[in-house]
Each structure stands twice: as structure tokens, then as C-alpha cells.
Amino acid sequence: MFHPAHTKAQEDDYVQIADRLGLVKTGGSDMHIPRPEPQKMVGGTYCDWDEVLQYLER
């Protein structure tokens, strides 16, 4: 859901869908360009660790 090419409106829509379905919100980790900007590099997008832990406790 989190991707450098997504608009804020798209991310907001995806967040609402994930929340409704009880999913952890993440971003992709692949890249296909030779010299990406820092936020586009592998590991440049993070999810909320507390949210992951809550998901795993279910």
C-alpha cells in the first residue's frame, strides 16, 4: 500500500481497506531502477512494528 508512486489519497484509501480487513499495512521492498532515491531503496518503506505485534498476538 505504501509506495513512492502512490498519492496520499491512494494510500489513505488502502489504509482504510486494510483497517477494515484487519491487515498489517506494509510497503513493497523490490526496486527496478539502478540508483533509486533514498525513500525508494529496499528498506526505505516501513510498517508500524506495534501493529505487526498486535497482528501476531491474534
N, C-alpha and C. Protein backbone atom coordinates (compact mmCIF):
# COMPACT_ATOMS: atom_id res chain seq x y z
N MET A 1 0.81 -1.18 0.00
CA MET A 1 0.00 0.00 0.00
C MET A 1 0.86 1.25 0.00
N PHE A 2 1.99 1.20 0.71
CA PHE A 2 2.88 2.36 0.72
C PHE A 2 3.91 2.19 -0.38
N HIS A 3 3.90 3.12 -1.31
CA HIS A 3 4.80 3.06 -2.45
C HIS A 3 5.08 4.50 -2.89
N PRO A 4 6.30 4.79 -3.29
CA PRO A 4 6.63 6.17 -3.68
C PRO A 4 5.74 6.73 -4.79
N ALA A 5 5.21 5.87 -5.64
CA ALA A 5 4.38 6.35 -6.75
C ALA A 5 2.92 6.59 -6.34
N HIS A 6 2.51 6.13 -5.16
CA HIS A 6 1.12 6.32 -4.72
C HIS A 6 0.92 7.73 -4.20
N THR A 7 -0.25 8.26 -4.52
CA THR A 7 -0.61 9.57 -3.97
C THR A 7 -1.07 9.40 -2.53
N LYS A 8 -1.16 10.49 -1.80
CA LYS A 8 -1.65 10.45 -0.42
C LYS A 8 -3.08 9.90 -0.41
N ALA A 9 -3.88 10.30 -1.37
CA ALA A 9 -5.27 9.82 -1.45
C ALA A 9 -5.32 8.31 -1.66
N GLN A 10 -4.45 7.78 -2.51
CA GLN A 10 -4.41 6.33 -2.72
C GLN A 10 -4.00 5.62 -1.43
N GLU A 11 -2.96 6.12 -0.77
CA GLU A 11 -2.52 5.50 0.48
C GLU A 11 -3.64 5.53 1.51
N ASP A 12 -4.34 6.65 1.61
CA ASP A 12 -5.45 6.75 2.57
C ASP A 12 -6.52 5.72 2.28
N ASP A 13 -6.85 5.53 0.99
CA ASP A 13 -7.84 4.52 0.61
C ASP A 13 -7.37 3.12 1.01
N TYR A 14 -6.10 2.82 0.73
CA TYR A 14 -5.56 1.49 1.05
C TYR A 14 -5.52 1.27 2.56
N VAL A 15 -5.19 2.32 3.32
CA VAL A 15 -5.17 2.21 4.78
C VAL A 15 -6.56 1.88 5.30
N GLN A 16 -7.57 2.54 4.78
CA GLN A 16 -8.94 2.27 5.22
C GLN A 16 -9.35 0.83 4.91
N ILE A 17 -8.97 0.35 3.73
CA ILE A 17 -9.30 -1.04 3.37
C ILE A 17 -8.60 -2.01 4.30
N ALA A 18 -7.30 -1.79 4.53
CA ALA A 18 -6.53 -2.67 5.40
C ALA A 18 -7.08 -2.66 6.82
N ASP A 19 -7.44 -1.48 7.33
CA ASP A 19 -8.01 -1.39 8.67
C ASP A 19 -9.32 -2.16 8.75
N ARG A 20 -10.15 -2.00 7.74
CA ARG A 20 -11.45 -2.69 7.73
C ARG A 20 -11.27 -4.21 7.72
N LEU A 21 -10.22 -4.68 7.04
CA LEU A 21 -9.98 -6.12 6.94
C LEU A 21 -9.05 -6.67 8.01
N GLY A 22 -8.54 -5.78 8.87
CA GLY A 22 -7.64 -6.21 9.94
C GLY A 22 -6.26 -6.62 9.45
N LEU A 23 -5.78 -5.98 8.40
CA LEU A 23 -4.49 -6.32 7.82
C LEU A 23 -3.39 -5.39 8.31
N VAL A 24 -2.15 -5.89 8.34
CA VAL A 24 -1.00 -5.05 8.65
C VAL A 24 -0.67 -4.25 7.40
N LYS A 25 -0.44 -2.96 7.57
CA LYS A 25 -0.15 -2.08 6.44
C LYS A 25 1.36 -2.07 6.18
N THR A 26 1.74 -2.44 4.96
CA THR A 26 3.16 -2.52 4.61
C THR A 26 3.42 -1.87 3.26
N GLY A 27 4.68 -1.89 2.87
CA GLY A 27 5.09 -1.42 1.56
C GLY A 27 5.98 -2.45 0.91
N GLY A 28 6.07 -2.40 -0.38
CA GLY A 28 6.92 -3.35 -1.11
C GLY A 28 8.39 -3.08 -0.87
N SER A 29 9.21 -4.09 -1.12
CA SER A 29 10.65 -3.93 -0.90
C SER A 29 11.46 -4.16 -2.17
N ASP A 30 10.79 -4.32 -3.30
CA ASP A 30 11.57 -4.54 -4.52
C ASP A 30 11.85 -3.21 -5.21
N MET A 31 12.86 -3.19 -6.06
CA MET A 31 13.15 -1.99 -6.83
C MET A 31 13.68 -2.41 -8.19
N HIS A 32 13.46 -1.56 -9.18
CA HIS A 32 13.82 -1.92 -10.55
C HIS A 32 14.57 -0.78 -11.25
N ILE A 33 15.20 0.08 -10.47
CA ILE A 33 15.95 1.18 -11.06
C ILE A 33 17.37 1.15 -10.51
N PRO A 34 18.36 1.58 -11.31
CA PRO A 34 19.75 1.43 -10.88
C PRO A 34 20.17 2.29 -9.69
N ARG A 35 19.71 3.51 -9.59
CA ARG A 35 20.12 4.39 -8.49
C ARG A 35 18.88 5.08 -7.91
N PRO A 36 18.17 4.38 -7.06
CA PRO A 36 16.93 4.95 -6.51
C PRO A 36 17.20 6.06 -5.51
N GLU A 37 16.19 6.91 -5.34
CA GLU A 37 16.23 7.91 -4.28
C GLU A 37 16.14 7.15 -2.95
N PRO A 38 16.64 7.74 -1.85
CA PRO A 38 16.65 7.00 -0.56
C PRO A 38 15.33 6.38 -0.16
N GLN A 39 14.20 7.08 -0.33
CA GLN A 39 12.92 6.52 0.09
C GLN A 39 12.44 5.42 -0.84
N LYS A 40 13.11 5.25 -1.99
CA LYS A 40 12.72 4.20 -2.93
C LYS A 40 13.62 2.98 -2.83
N MET A 41 14.63 3.02 -1.98
CA MET A 41 15.54 1.90 -1.84
C MET A 41 14.91 0.78 -1.01
N VAL A 42 15.43 -0.43 -1.17
CA VAL A 42 14.97 -1.54 -0.36
C VAL A 42 15.13 -1.15 1.10
N GLY A 43 14.08 -1.33 1.88
CA GLY A 43 14.10 -0.94 3.28
C GLY A 43 13.74 0.52 3.50
N GLY A 44 13.40 1.24 2.45
CA GLY A 44 13.06 2.66 2.58
C GLY A 44 11.62 2.90 3.01
N THR A 45 10.82 1.85 3.04
CA THR A 45 9.43 1.94 3.47
C THR A 45 9.23 1.00 4.64
N TYR A 46 8.64 1.50 5.69
CA TYR A 46 8.49 0.72 6.92
C TYR A 46 7.02 0.58 7.30
N CYS A 47 6.74 -0.43 8.10
CA CYS A 47 5.40 -0.54 8.67
C CYS A 47 5.52 -0.34 10.18
N ASP A 48 4.41 -0.19 10.82
CA ASP A 48 4.35 0.05 12.26
C ASP A 48 4.59 -1.26 13.00
N TRP A 49 5.71 -1.38 13.71
CA TRP A 49 6.07 -2.63 14.39
C TRP A 49 5.04 -3.01 15.44
N ASP A 50 4.50 -2.05 16.16
CA ASP A 50 3.47 -2.35 17.16
C ASP A 50 2.24 -2.98 16.50
N GLU A 51 1.92 -2.51 15.30
CA GLU A 51 0.79 -3.07 14.57
C GLU A 51 1.08 -4.53 14.18
N VAL A 52 2.32 -4.82 13.79
CA VAL A 52 2.70 -6.20 13.46
C VAL A 52 2.56 -7.08 14.69
N LEU A 53 3.04 -6.62 15.84
CA LEU A 53 2.96 -7.41 17.07
C LEU A 53 1.51 -7.67 17.46
N GLN A 54 0.65 -6.66 17.33
CA GLN A 54 -0.76 -6.86 17.64
C GLN A 54 -1.38 -7.89 16.70
N TYR A 55 -0.99 -7.87 15.44
CA TYR A 55 -1.49 -8.84 14.48
C TYR A 55 -1.05 -10.25 14.86
N LEU A 56 0.20 -10.39 15.26
CA LEU A 56 0.74 -11.71 15.62
C LEU A 56 0.12 -12.26 16.92
N GLU A 57 -0.35 -11.38 17.79
CA GLU A 57 -0.95 -11.81 19.04
C GLU A 57 -2.37 -12.35 18.86
N ARG A 58 -2.96 -12.18 17.71
CA ARG A 58 -4.33 -12.66 17.47
C ARG A 58 -4.39 -14.16 17.46
